[in-house]
């Protein structure tokens, strides 16, 4: 009996530049996990082909005339059976929008085969999660930093503070500690974080649960959390019942 052939991601390439499409086809042809089933040169054509061909994956250019990549992704987001999307763009200033639209990845041009291959692996992992019915909580964040985009695993984020329309992410510990700003509201980010791993203790603060070493009553109904590094943070009254419940109180 023949062994089962690994299923390939049926892929649609979308770009308004013919040379960019040709280059992407050449790169994709060398990847065992992909099968290119079509190409589109604008957003409107892309939506029609997605409806007709039902691809598993769309390699989507961000900037196109008339219907751009963001508009295509927003339209796809309305469907429960939408394909995975990897944005492929020459611009690094759309990462937040890609994050909000639940894109698999955000690859900058000129595309390097090894970089695209990493993105494809993430698409395959997400497809496997969906087939198993696994949780779709946010696992990674893209952070614009200087002239590049940095990928941060949410498991590395110990604390999140609100700063107006931004959040500040505290990553690493000790000499490896660093912070990044992300254009995202703390309320919007909270909805996408696994509540088994993160808890909001204040309107301005979310903590990774394993950073909490204990709770302290400061009198007059005021409570604080003590962190594993000895720092104390006040708990907002609105969030106190949930924090106490975490401690079984």
Protein backbone atom coordinates (compact mmCIF):
# COMPACT_ATOMS: atom_id res chain seq x y z
CA UNK A 1 0.00 0.00 0.00
CA UNK A 2 1.43 3.37 -1.01
CA UNK A 3 2.22 5.89 1.68
CA UNK A 4 0.04 8.97 1.92
CA UNK A 5 1.45 11.94 0.01
CA UNK A 6 1.86 15.01 2.24
CA UNK A 7 -0.79 17.57 1.41
CA UNK A 8 0.52 20.76 -0.16
CA UNK A 9 -0.80 24.24 0.45
CA UNK A 10 -2.77 25.29 -2.63
CA UNK A 11 -1.40 28.78 -3.13
CA UNK A 12 -2.50 31.92 -4.97
CA UNK A 13 0.09 34.63 -5.71
CA UNK A 14 -1.21 38.21 -5.85
CA UNK A 15 0.96 41.10 -7.05
CA UNK A 16 0.50 43.93 -9.53
CA UNK A 17 4.09 43.62 -10.81
CA UNK A 18 4.61 40.81 -13.36
CA UNK A 19 8.29 40.44 -12.47
CA UNK A 20 7.39 40.08 -8.79
CA UNK A 21 4.90 37.33 -9.65
CA UNK A 22 7.48 35.57 -11.80
CA UNK A 23 10.10 35.73 -9.03
CA UNK A 24 7.61 34.39 -6.49
CA UNK A 25 6.64 31.53 -8.81
CA UNK A 26 10.31 30.55 -9.15
CA UNK A 27 10.79 30.58 -5.36
CA UNK A 28 7.56 28.66 -4.73
CA UNK A 29 8.40 26.01 -7.35
CA UNK A 30 11.35 24.95 -5.19
CA UNK A 31 9.22 24.47 -2.06
CA UNK A 32 7.81 21.00 -1.51
CA UNK A 33 4.99 22.26 0.71
CA UNK A 34 3.43 24.55 -1.93
CA UNK A 35 1.41 24.08 -5.09
CA UNK A 36 0.75 27.34 -6.96
CA UNK A 37 -2.73 27.14 -8.44
CA UNK A 38 -2.98 30.65 -9.87
CA UNK A 39 -1.87 34.27 -9.92
CA UNK A 40 -3.71 37.58 -9.77
CA UNK A 41 -2.52 41.06 -10.71
CA UNK A 42 -4.97 43.12 -8.64
CA UNK A 43 -7.16 42.85 -5.59
CA UNK A 44 -10.44 42.48 -7.42
CA UNK A 45 -9.15 39.61 -9.52
CA UNK A 46 -7.68 38.05 -6.39
CA UNK A 47 -11.06 38.00 -4.63
CA UNK A 48 -12.71 36.39 -7.66
CA UNK A 49 -10.04 33.70 -7.92
CA UNK A 50 -10.13 33.02 -4.19
CA UNK A 51 -13.88 32.46 -4.46
CA UNK A 52 -13.46 30.15 -7.46
CA UNK A 53 -10.29 28.23 -6.52
CA UNK A 54 -10.56 28.08 -2.71
CA UNK A 55 -6.80 28.26 -2.06
CA UNK A 56 -5.30 27.32 1.30
CA UNK A 57 -2.83 30.21 1.18
CA UNK A 58 -2.60 33.64 -0.44
CA UNK A 59 0.75 35.37 -0.92
CA UNK A 60 -0.60 38.89 -0.99
CA UNK A 61 1.10 42.10 -2.08
CA UNK A 62 0.15 45.01 0.16
CA UNK A 63 0.16 47.97 -2.22
CA UNK A 64 -1.87 47.62 -5.42
CA UNK A 65 -4.04 50.10 -7.34
CA UNK A 66 -7.79 50.27 -6.61
CA UNK A 67 -8.29 47.21 -4.34
CA UNK A 68 -5.11 46.88 -2.28
CA UNK A 69 -3.90 43.96 -0.17
CA UNK A 70 -5.39 45.27 3.06
CA UNK A 71 -8.80 45.56 1.41
CA UNK A 72 -8.54 41.99 0.14
CA UNK A 73 -7.60 40.72 3.61
CA UNK A 74 -10.44 42.68 5.24
CA UNK A 75 -12.90 41.12 2.81
CA UNK A 76 -11.52 37.64 3.47
CA UNK A 77 -11.79 38.22 7.23
CA UNK A 78 -15.59 38.20 6.85
CA UNK A 79 -15.52 34.54 5.80
CA UNK A 80 -15.33 31.64 8.23
CA UNK A 81 -13.43 29.56 5.66
CA UNK A 82 -10.87 32.13 4.55
CA UNK A 83 -7.41 31.08 3.37
CA UNK A 84 -4.28 31.85 5.33
CA UNK A 85 -2.65 35.12 4.26
CA UNK A 86 1.04 35.99 4.10
CA UNK A 87 1.59 39.63 3.19
CA UNK A 88 4.51 40.22 0.83
CA UNK A 89 5.44 43.89 0.58
CA UNK A 90 8.24 46.40 0.14
CA UNK A 91 6.85 48.50 3.01
CA UNK A 92 7.34 47.84 6.71
CA UNK A 93 4.70 50.29 7.99
CA UNK A 94 1.66 48.01 7.62
CA UNK A 95 2.65 45.45 10.25
CA UNK A 96 0.02 46.61 12.76
CA UNK A 97 -2.76 46.29 10.18
CA UNK A 98 -1.49 42.82 9.25
CA UNK A 99 -1.48 41.89 12.94
CA UNK A 100 -5.08 43.07 13.32
CA UNK A 101 -6.16 41.00 10.30
CA UNK A 102 -4.63 37.82 11.74
CA UNK A 103 -2.14 37.36 8.91
CA UNK A 104 0.20 34.38 9.21
CA UNK A 105 3.27 36.47 8.43
CA UNK A 106 4.60 39.69 6.93
CA UNK A 107 7.48 39.19 4.50
CA UNK A 108 9.46 42.13 3.17
CA UNK A 109 10.65 42.43 -0.42
CA UNK A 110 13.01 41.51 -1.92
CA UNK A 111 11.81 38.10 -0.77
CA UNK A 112 14.48 35.71 0.43
CA UNK A 113 13.60 32.02 -0.08
CA UNK A 114 14.60 31.08 3.46
CA UNK A 115 12.43 33.86 4.90
CA UNK A 116 9.42 32.75 2.86
CA UNK A 117 10.05 29.16 3.88
CA UNK A 118 9.76 30.13 7.55
CA UNK A 119 6.47 31.86 6.79
CA UNK A 120 5.19 28.75 4.99
CA UNK A 121 6.03 26.61 8.02
CA UNK A 122 3.91 28.94 10.15
CA UNK A 123 1.05 28.60 7.68
CA UNK A 124 1.31 24.81 7.84
CA UNK A 125 1.38 24.91 11.64
CA UNK A 126 -1.71 27.09 11.69
CA UNK A 127 -3.50 24.75 9.30
CA UNK A 128 -2.64 21.85 11.60
CA UNK A 129 -3.97 23.75 14.61
CA UNK A 130 -7.24 24.46 12.79
CA UNK A 131 -7.67 20.80 11.80
CA UNK A 132 -7.13 19.71 15.39
CA UNK A 133 -9.39 22.43 16.73
CA UNK A 134 -6.52 23.91 18.76
CA UNK A 135 -6.74 27.32 20.43
CA UNK A 136 -6.16 30.31 18.20
CA UNK A 137 -4.81 32.61 20.90
CA UNK A 138 -2.10 34.97 19.77
CA UNK A 139 1.32 33.31 19.81
CA UNK A 140 3.48 36.00 18.16
CA UNK A 141 3.71 39.76 17.68
CA UNK A 142 5.42 41.77 14.96
CA UNK A 143 7.13 44.84 16.35
CA UNK A 144 8.32 47.67 14.06
CA UNK A 145 11.77 48.51 15.43
CA UNK A 146 14.12 50.91 13.69
CA UNK A 147 14.31 49.74 10.07
CA UNK A 148 13.03 46.21 10.56
CA UNK A 149 10.23 44.09 11.95
CA UNK A 150 11.00 41.96 14.99
CA UNK A 151 8.97 38.86 15.77
CA UNK A 152 8.32 38.38 19.49
CA UNK A 153 6.73 35.24 20.93
CA UNK A 154 3.99 36.15 23.42
CA UNK A 155 5.58 33.66 25.82
CA UNK A 156 8.56 36.04 26.04
CA UNK A 157 6.39 39.00 27.11
CA UNK A 158 6.24 39.34 30.88
CA UNK A 159 4.33 42.59 31.18
CA UNK A 160 2.29 44.93 28.99
CA UNK A 161 1.62 48.57 29.89
CA UNK A 162 -0.78 50.93 28.12
CA UNK A 163 0.71 54.18 26.81
CA UNK A 164 -2.13 56.12 25.15
CA UNK A 165 -2.75 54.45 21.76
CA UNK A 166 0.28 52.18 22.22
CA UNK A 167 1.28 49.31 24.46
CA UNK A 168 4.77 48.84 25.85
CA UNK A 169 5.94 45.23 25.85
CA UNK A 170 8.47 44.12 28.46
CA UNK A 171 10.50 41.23 27.05
CA UNK A 172 13.21 39.13 28.70
CA UNK A 173 14.75 39.46 32.13
CA UNK A 174 17.91 40.78 33.76
CA UNK A 175 20.62 41.85 31.33
CA UNK A 176 18.44 40.57 28.46
CA UNK A 177 15.48 42.79 29.38
CA UNK A 178 14.22 45.15 26.70
CA UNK A 179 11.02 46.99 25.82
CA UNK A 180 9.15 47.70 22.59
CA UNK A 181 6.27 49.97 21.65
CA UNK A 182 3.41 48.59 19.57
CA UNK A 183 0.57 50.64 18.09
CA UNK A 184 -2.28 48.65 19.62
CA UNK A 185 -4.78 49.28 22.42
CA UNK A 186 -4.39 47.25 25.57
CA UNK A 187 -8.07 46.22 25.39
CA UNK A 188 -7.67 44.94 21.84
CA UNK A 189 -4.52 43.02 22.71
CA UNK A 190 -6.10 41.52 25.85
CA UNK A 191 -8.85 39.90 23.76
CA UNK A 192 -6.25 38.00 21.73
CA UNK A 193 -4.06 36.78 24.57
CA UNK A 194 -4.61 33.39 26.19
CA UNK A 195 -6.30 34.07 29.56
CA UNK A 196 -4.64 30.94 30.92
CA UNK A 197 -1.27 32.65 30.44
CA UNK A 198 -2.05 36.36 30.88
CA UNK A 199 -4.18 38.38 33.30
CA UNK A 200 -5.11 42.03 33.36
CA UNK A 201 -4.58 43.53 36.80
CA UNK A 202 -5.26 47.19 36.01
CA UNK A 203 -6.69 49.23 33.17
CA UNK A 204 -3.09 49.97 32.21
CA UNK A 205 -1.36 46.64 32.93
CA UNK A 206 -1.44 43.02 31.77
CA UNK A 207 0.90 40.44 33.32
CA UNK A 208 2.01 36.99 32.31
CA UNK A 209 0.61 34.88 35.14
CA UNK A 210 3.84 33.10 35.98
CA UNK A 211 5.45 36.44 36.83
CA UNK A 212 3.13 36.86 39.83
CA UNK A 213 4.80 35.65 43.02
CA UNK A 214 2.01 36.66 45.42
CA UNK A 215 -0.73 39.09 46.43
CA UNK A 216 -0.49 41.72 49.16
CA UNK A 217 -3.24 43.56 51.02
CA UNK A 218 -2.19 47.16 51.59
CA UNK A 219 -5.22 48.14 53.68
CA UNK A 220 -8.45 50.03 52.94
CA UNK A 221 -9.34 47.50 50.25
CA UNK A 222 -6.16 48.13 48.25
CA UNK A 223 -4.34 45.07 46.88
CA UNK A 224 -1.08 44.67 44.99
CA UNK A 225 0.62 41.85 43.13
CA UNK A 226 4.21 41.04 43.97
CA UNK A 227 6.28 40.11 40.93
CA UNK A 228 9.05 37.53 40.80
CA UNK A 229 11.64 40.35 40.77
CA UNK A 230 10.24 41.93 43.96
CA UNK A 231 8.37 44.79 42.29
CA UNK A 232 4.82 45.49 43.52
CA UNK A 233 2.01 46.66 41.21
CA UNK A 234 -1.35 47.89 42.37
CA UNK A 235 -4.43 45.93 41.31
CA UNK A 236 -7.32 47.97 39.92
CA UNK A 237 -10.62 47.48 41.76
CA UNK A 238 -12.35 46.35 38.57
CA UNK A 239 -9.81 43.55 38.10
CA UNK A 240 -9.41 42.50 41.74
CA UNK A 241 -12.07 39.70 41.74
CA UNK A 242 -10.43 38.00 38.75
CA UNK A 243 -6.96 38.27 40.29
CA UNK A 244 -8.21 36.86 43.60
CA UNK A 245 -9.95 34.03 41.73
CA UNK A 246 -6.61 33.18 40.13
CA UNK A 247 -5.24 32.69 43.65
CA UNK A 248 -8.27 30.63 44.67
CA UNK A 249 -9.74 33.33 46.93
